[in-house]
C-alpha cells in the first residue's frame, strides 16, 4: 500500500496542483491540517481518487463550510484533531502538531505517525 501525506496547503492552489501529480500514486491520502478554505479541500478531493483522511490544523478557517464541502465526497473522512486509522496492515496516527506526534510515536502503538504544522518534510525512525 502506498500512503500519500500532505498538509499545510494554506490555499496555495498552484502548489497543490503540482503536488497532486505526485500524490496521485498513493492508495490513500493523509491530510494533516491547514486547508484554510473549503475550495482547497474540494481541489484536493477532486484531484485524488482514493480515500482521504483529514485532521484539523490551526488554520482551517470555516470548519462548518469545510465539513459541508467534504460531505460532497464520500471518500473524505474528517477525524477532528487526532485520527487513528488503519492503512493496509499499518496502524497510523495523524495530528497537525509535532509535539503531539512525538508523544504518539513514543507510545509504540503505531507503525506510522504523521503531522504537519512546521512546513518541514521529515522521515524519522
N, C-alpha and C. Protein backbone atom coordinates (compact mmCIF):
# COMPACT_ATOMS: atom_id res chain seq x y z
N UNK A 1 0.85 -1.18 0.00
CA UNK A 1 0.00 0.00 0.00
C UNK A 1 0.89 1.23 0.00
N UNK A 2 0.56 2.17 -0.87
CA UNK A 2 1.28 3.45 -0.92
C UNK A 2 0.45 4.51 -0.23
N UNK A 3 1.09 5.20 0.73
CA UNK A 3 0.42 6.23 1.51
C UNK A 3 0.96 7.59 1.09
N UNK A 4 0.07 8.47 0.65
CA UNK A 4 0.43 9.85 0.33
C UNK A 4 0.11 10.71 1.54
N UNK A 5 1.01 11.64 1.86
CA UNK A 5 0.83 12.51 3.02
C UNK A 5 0.98 13.95 2.56
N UNK A 6 0.07 14.80 3.03
CA UNK A 6 0.09 16.22 2.65
C UNK A 6 -0.45 17.03 3.83
N UNK A 7 0.02 18.26 3.95
CA UNK A 7 -0.53 19.17 4.95
C UNK A 7 -0.19 20.60 4.58
N UNK A 8 -0.79 21.51 5.30
CA UNK A 8 -0.46 22.93 5.23
C UNK A 8 -0.52 23.51 3.82
N UNK A 9 -1.62 23.28 3.14
CA UNK A 9 -1.80 23.85 1.80
C UNK A 9 -1.94 25.37 1.87
N UNK A 10 -2.63 25.86 2.89
CA UNK A 10 -2.82 27.30 3.09
C UNK A 10 -3.32 27.99 1.82
N UNK A 11 -4.27 27.36 1.15
CA UNK A 11 -4.92 27.93 -0.05
C UNK A 11 -3.98 28.13 -1.23
N UNK A 12 -2.82 27.52 -1.24
CA UNK A 12 -1.90 27.65 -2.37
C UNK A 12 -2.32 26.64 -3.44
N UNK A 13 -3.29 27.03 -4.24
CA UNK A 13 -3.86 26.12 -5.24
C UNK A 13 -2.85 25.75 -6.32
N UNK A 14 -1.90 26.60 -6.57
CA UNK A 14 -0.90 26.33 -7.61
C UNK A 14 0.06 25.25 -7.14
N UNK A 15 0.52 25.34 -5.90
CA UNK A 15 1.39 24.30 -5.35
C UNK A 15 0.63 22.98 -5.21
N UNK A 16 -0.64 23.06 -4.82
CA UNK A 16 -1.44 21.85 -4.69
C UNK A 16 -1.61 21.18 -6.05
N UNK A 17 -1.82 21.94 -7.08
CA UNK A 17 -1.95 21.37 -8.43
C UNK A 17 -0.70 20.57 -8.79
N UNK A 18 0.46 21.12 -8.49
CA UNK A 18 1.71 20.41 -8.77
C UNK A 18 1.85 19.17 -7.87
N UNK A 19 1.49 19.32 -6.61
CA UNK A 19 1.64 18.21 -5.66
C UNK A 19 0.71 17.05 -5.98
N UNK A 20 -0.48 17.34 -6.49
CA UNK A 20 -1.44 16.28 -6.80
C UNK A 20 -0.89 15.29 -7.82
N UNK A 21 -0.02 15.75 -8.70
CA UNK A 21 0.59 14.85 -9.68
C UNK A 21 1.43 13.79 -8.98
N UNK A 22 2.07 14.14 -7.89
CA UNK A 22 2.87 13.18 -7.12
C UNK A 22 2.03 12.40 -6.13
N UNK A 23 1.05 13.05 -5.52
CA UNK A 23 0.20 12.40 -4.54
C UNK A 23 -0.67 11.32 -5.16
N UNK A 24 -0.98 11.48 -6.44
CA UNK A 24 -1.87 10.56 -7.14
C UNK A 24 -1.40 9.13 -7.20
N UNK A 25 -0.12 8.87 -6.92
CA UNK A 25 0.37 7.50 -6.94
C UNK A 25 -0.01 6.76 -5.66
N UNK A 26 -0.53 7.46 -4.67
CA UNK A 26 -0.90 6.83 -3.41
C UNK A 26 -2.23 6.10 -3.48
N UNK A 27 -2.37 5.12 -2.60
CA UNK A 27 -3.64 4.39 -2.48
C UNK A 27 -4.57 5.09 -1.50
N UNK A 28 -4.00 5.82 -0.56
CA UNK A 28 -4.74 6.56 0.45
C UNK A 28 -3.98 7.86 0.70
N UNK A 29 -4.71 8.91 1.03
CA UNK A 29 -4.09 10.22 1.31
C UNK A 29 -4.40 10.62 2.74
N UNK A 30 -3.34 11.00 3.47
CA UNK A 30 -3.47 11.50 4.83
C UNK A 30 -3.21 13.00 4.77
N UNK A 31 -4.19 13.80 5.18
CA UNK A 31 -4.02 15.25 5.18
C UNK A 31 -3.97 15.73 6.63
N UNK A 32 -2.84 16.34 7.00
CA UNK A 32 -2.57 16.69 8.40
C UNK A 32 -2.85 18.15 8.72
N UNK A 33 -3.88 18.71 8.15
CA UNK A 33 -4.37 20.02 8.57
C UNK A 33 -3.90 21.21 7.77
N UNK A 34 -4.66 22.28 7.91
CA UNK A 34 -4.44 23.59 7.30
C UNK A 34 -4.76 23.66 5.80
N UNK A 35 -6.01 23.34 5.50
CA UNK A 35 -6.52 23.68 4.17
C UNK A 35 -6.61 25.19 4.06
N UNK A 36 -7.17 25.78 5.07
CA UNK A 36 -7.60 27.17 5.21
C UNK A 36 -9.02 27.32 4.69
N UNK A 37 -9.23 27.26 3.37
CA UNK A 37 -10.57 27.49 2.79
C UNK A 37 -11.15 26.21 2.19
N UNK A 38 -12.48 26.13 2.13
CA UNK A 38 -13.13 24.95 1.57
C UNK A 38 -12.74 24.64 0.12
N UNK A 39 -12.47 25.66 -0.68
CA UNK A 39 -12.15 25.38 -2.08
C UNK A 39 -10.87 24.55 -2.21
N UNK A 40 -9.99 24.65 -1.23
CA UNK A 40 -8.76 23.86 -1.26
C UNK A 40 -9.07 22.39 -0.98
N UNK A 41 -9.97 22.13 -0.05
CA UNK A 41 -10.41 20.77 0.22
C UNK A 41 -11.04 20.17 -1.03
N UNK A 42 -11.87 20.93 -1.70
CA UNK A 42 -12.53 20.46 -2.93
C UNK A 42 -11.49 20.12 -3.99
N UNK A 43 -10.51 20.99 -4.17
CA UNK A 43 -9.47 20.74 -5.16
C UNK A 43 -8.72 19.44 -4.83
N UNK A 44 -8.41 19.23 -3.56
CA UNK A 44 -7.72 18.02 -3.15
C UNK A 44 -8.58 16.79 -3.43
N UNK A 45 -9.85 16.84 -3.05
CA UNK A 45 -10.75 15.70 -3.24
C UNK A 45 -11.00 15.42 -4.72
N UNK A 46 -11.08 16.44 -5.53
CA UNK A 46 -11.28 16.23 -6.97
C UNK A 46 -10.01 15.71 -7.65
N UNK A 47 -8.85 15.96 -7.05
CA UNK A 47 -7.59 15.58 -7.67
C UNK A 47 -7.01 14.28 -7.18
N UNK A 48 -7.61 13.67 -6.14
CA UNK A 48 -7.12 12.40 -5.61
C UNK A 48 -8.26 11.41 -5.61
N UNK A 49 -8.06 10.24 -6.20
CA UNK A 49 -9.15 9.29 -6.40
C UNK A 49 -9.42 8.36 -5.23
N UNK A 50 -8.47 8.19 -4.33
CA UNK A 50 -8.64 7.24 -3.23
C UNK A 50 -9.21 7.87 -1.99
N UNK A 51 -9.26 7.09 -0.91
CA UNK A 51 -9.74 7.62 0.36
C UNK A 51 -8.81 8.72 0.89
N UNK A 52 -9.42 9.73 1.52
CA UNK A 52 -8.69 10.85 2.09
C UNK A 52 -9.08 10.98 3.55
N UNK A 53 -8.08 10.92 4.43
CA UNK A 53 -8.31 11.09 5.87
C UNK A 53 -7.75 12.45 6.27
N UNK A 54 -8.54 13.20 7.03
CA UNK A 54 -8.21 14.59 7.36
C UNK A 54 -8.26 14.81 8.86
N UNK A 55 -7.23 15.50 9.38
CA UNK A 55 -7.31 16.07 10.73
C UNK A 55 -7.22 17.59 10.59
N UNK A 56 -7.82 18.29 11.54
CA UNK A 56 -7.82 19.75 11.51
C UNK A 56 -6.46 20.31 11.92
N UNK A 57 -6.12 21.44 11.33
CA UNK A 57 -4.94 22.19 11.74
C UNK A 57 -5.37 23.46 12.45
N UNK A 58 -4.43 24.34 12.70
CA UNK A 58 -4.74 25.58 13.39
C UNK A 58 -5.18 26.69 12.44
N UNK A 59 -5.13 26.44 11.13
CA UNK A 59 -5.55 27.45 10.14
C UNK A 59 -6.66 26.94 9.23
N UNK A 60 -7.52 26.09 9.75
CA UNK A 60 -8.67 25.65 8.98
C UNK A 60 -9.84 26.55 9.36
N UNK A 61 -10.03 27.59 8.56
CA UNK A 61 -10.96 28.67 8.84
C UNK A 61 -12.36 28.24 9.21
N UNK A 62 -13.24 28.16 8.26
CA UNK A 62 -14.65 27.88 8.50
C UNK A 62 -14.88 26.37 8.47
N UNK A 63 -14.80 25.75 9.63
CA UNK A 63 -14.93 24.29 9.69
C UNK A 63 -16.31 23.81 9.26
N UNK A 64 -17.31 24.63 9.45
CA UNK A 64 -18.65 24.24 9.00
C UNK A 64 -18.67 24.13 7.48
N UNK A 65 -18.12 25.12 6.77
CA UNK A 65 -18.08 25.05 5.30
C UNK A 65 -17.13 23.96 4.82
N UNK A 66 -16.03 23.75 5.52
CA UNK A 66 -15.13 22.65 5.17
C UNK A 66 -15.87 21.31 5.31
N UNK A 67 -16.64 21.17 6.38
CA UNK A 67 -17.42 19.95 6.59
C UNK A 67 -18.46 19.77 5.50
N UNK A 68 -19.14 20.84 5.13
CA UNK A 68 -20.12 20.77 4.05
C UNK A 68 -19.45 20.37 2.73
N UNK A 69 -18.29 20.92 2.45
CA UNK A 69 -17.57 20.57 1.22
C UNK A 69 -17.13 19.11 1.25
N UNK A 70 -16.64 18.64 2.38
CA UNK A 70 -16.21 17.25 2.50
C UNK A 70 -17.36 16.29 2.30
N UNK A 71 -18.56 16.69 2.71
CA UNK A 71 -19.74 15.83 2.59
C UNK A 71 -20.08 15.52 1.14
N UNK A 72 -19.59 16.33 0.22
CA UNK A 72 -19.82 16.09 -1.21
C UNK A 72 -18.98 14.93 -1.74
N UNK A 73 -18.04 14.46 -0.95
CA UNK A 73 -17.12 13.41 -1.38
C UNK A 73 -17.16 12.27 -0.36
N UNK A 74 -17.70 11.14 -0.75
CA UNK A 74 -17.81 10.02 0.18
C UNK A 74 -16.44 9.48 0.59
N UNK A 75 -15.40 9.81 -0.15
CA UNK A 75 -14.05 9.31 0.14
C UNK A 75 -13.31 10.15 1.17
N UNK A 76 -13.87 11.30 1.56
CA UNK A 76 -13.21 12.19 2.51
C UNK A 76 -13.76 11.92 3.92
N UNK A 77 -12.86 11.61 4.82
CA UNK A 77 -13.23 11.31 6.20
C UNK A 77 -12.57 12.34 7.12
N UNK A 78 -13.40 13.17 7.76
CA UNK A 78 -12.91 14.18 8.70
C UNK A 78 -12.84 13.55 10.09
N UNK A 79 -11.68 13.66 10.73
CA UNK A 79 -11.47 12.98 12.01
C UNK A 79 -11.40 13.93 13.21
N UNK A 80 -11.33 15.20 13.00
CA UNK A 80 -11.17 16.11 14.13
C UNK A 80 -9.70 16.44 14.34
N UNK A 81 -9.27 16.53 15.59
CA UNK A 81 -7.89 16.94 15.93
C UNK A 81 -6.89 15.80 15.86
N UNK A 82 -7.36 14.57 16.01
CA UNK A 82 -6.49 13.40 16.06
C UNK A 82 -7.19 12.25 15.38
N UNK A 83 -6.43 11.46 14.62
CA UNK A 83 -7.01 10.29 13.96
C UNK A 83 -6.15 9.07 14.22
N UNK A 84 -6.82 7.95 14.43
CA UNK A 84 -6.19 6.64 14.47
C UNK A 84 -6.86 5.82 13.40
N UNK A 85 -6.11 5.44 12.37
CA UNK A 85 -6.70 4.70 11.26
C UNK A 85 -5.83 3.49 10.93
N UNK A 86 -6.38 2.62 10.11
CA UNK A 86 -5.62 1.51 9.54
C UNK A 86 -5.40 1.82 8.08
N UNK A 87 -4.18 1.61 7.63
CA UNK A 87 -3.84 1.76 6.21
C UNK A 87 -3.18 0.45 5.81
N UNK A 88 -3.96 -0.42 5.19
CA UNK A 88 -3.47 -1.77 4.97
C UNK A 88 -3.28 -2.43 6.31
N UNK A 89 -2.09 -2.95 6.56
CA UNK A 89 -1.80 -3.60 7.84
C UNK A 89 -1.17 -2.65 8.85
N UNK A 90 -1.02 -1.38 8.47
CA UNK A 90 -0.37 -0.40 9.34
C UNK A 90 -1.35 0.29 10.28
N UNK A 91 -0.91 0.49 11.51
CA UNK A 91 -1.65 1.31 12.47
C UNK A 91 -1.07 2.72 12.37
N UNK A 92 -1.93 3.68 12.05
CA UNK A 92 -1.48 5.04 11.74
C UNK A 92 -2.15 6.04 12.67
N UNK A 93 -1.37 7.00 13.16
CA UNK A 93 -1.91 8.14 13.91
C UNK A 93 -1.62 9.40 13.12
N UNK A 94 -2.55 10.34 13.16
CA UNK A 94 -2.41 11.62 12.47
C UNK A 94 -2.78 12.74 13.41
N UNK A 95 -2.02 13.81 13.33
CA UNK A 95 -2.31 15.04 14.06
C UNK A 95 -1.70 16.19 13.27
N UNK A 96 -2.00 17.40 13.65
CA UNK A 96 -1.38 18.54 12.99
C UNK A 96 -0.08 18.95 13.68
N UNK A 97 0.01 18.66 14.96
CA UNK A 97 1.06 19.25 15.77
C UNK A 97 2.24 18.31 16.04
N UNK A 98 3.47 18.77 15.78
CA UNK A 98 4.67 17.94 16.01
C UNK A 98 4.80 17.44 17.45
N UNK A 99 4.48 18.28 18.42
CA UNK A 99 4.63 17.90 19.82
C UNK A 99 3.71 16.72 20.18
N UNK A 100 2.50 16.75 19.66
CA UNK A 100 1.57 15.64 19.91
C UNK A 100 2.05 14.40 19.17
N UNK A 101 2.52 14.58 17.94
CA UNK A 101 3.02 13.45 17.14
C UNK A 101 4.19 12.76 17.85
N UNK A 102 5.05 13.53 18.47
CA UNK A 102 6.20 12.95 19.16
C UNK A 102 5.74 12.00 20.26
N UNK A 103 4.76 12.45 21.03
CA UNK A 103 4.22 11.58 22.08
C UNK A 103 3.56 10.33 21.52
N UNK A 104 2.82 10.49 20.43
CA UNK A 104 2.19 9.33 19.80
C UNK A 104 3.23 8.35 19.30
N UNK A 105 4.30 8.87 18.69
CA UNK A 105 5.36 8.00 18.17
C UNK A 105 6.04 7.24 19.31
N UNK A 106 6.30 7.92 20.42
CA UNK A 106 6.98 7.28 21.55
C UNK A 106 6.09 6.27 22.27
N UNK A 107 4.79 6.31 22.03
CA UNK A 107 3.89 5.36 22.68
C UNK A 107 4.10 3.93 22.19
N UNK A 108 4.63 3.78 20.98
CA UNK A 108 4.84 2.46 20.42
C UNK A 108 3.58 1.79 19.90
N UNK A 109 2.47 2.49 19.92
CA UNK A 109 1.19 1.93 19.47
C UNK A 109 1.01 1.98 17.96
N UNK A 110 1.84 2.75 17.26
CA UNK A 110 1.60 3.00 15.84
C UNK A 110 2.81 2.61 14.99
N UNK A 111 2.51 2.19 13.78
CA UNK A 111 3.55 1.90 12.80
C UNK A 111 3.99 3.17 12.08
N UNK A 112 3.09 4.14 12.03
CA UNK A 112 3.35 5.39 11.33
C UNK A 112 2.62 6.52 12.05
N UNK A 113 3.31 7.63 12.27
CA UNK A 113 2.70 8.83 12.85
C UNK A 113 2.99 9.98 11.90
N UNK A 114 1.94 10.69 11.49
CA UNK A 114 2.08 11.81 10.55
C UNK A 114 1.59 13.10 11.19
N UNK A 115 2.25 14.20 10.84
CA UNK A 115 1.86 15.51 11.36
C UNK A 115 2.25 16.58 10.36
N UNK A 116 1.80 17.80 10.61
CA UNK A 116 2.11 18.94 9.75
C UNK A 116 2.63 20.09 10.59
N UNK A 117 2.11 21.26 10.35
CA UNK A 117 2.31 22.49 11.11
C UNK A 117 3.63 23.21 10.88
N UNK A 118 4.76 22.49 10.86
CA UNK A 118 6.04 23.18 10.80
C UNK A 118 6.59 23.36 9.38
N UNK A 119 5.84 22.89 8.38
CA UNK A 119 6.19 23.08 6.97
C UNK A 119 7.54 22.44 6.62
N UNK A 120 7.86 21.34 7.29
CA UNK A 120 9.10 20.61 7.03
C UNK A 120 8.78 19.17 6.68
N UNK A 121 9.41 18.66 5.62
CA UNK A 121 9.30 17.24 5.29
C UNK A 121 10.33 16.50 6.14
N UNK A 122 9.86 15.48 6.87
CA UNK A 122 10.77 14.72 7.74
C UNK A 122 10.41 13.26 7.67
N UNK A 123 11.42 12.42 7.85
CA UNK A 123 11.23 10.98 7.91
C UNK A 123 12.12 10.49 9.04
N UNK A 124 11.49 10.05 10.11
CA UNK A 124 12.25 9.63 11.30
C UNK A 124 11.86 8.20 11.66
N UNK A 125 12.80 7.50 12.20
CA UNK A 125 12.52 6.14 12.69
C UNK A 125 12.48 6.13 14.19
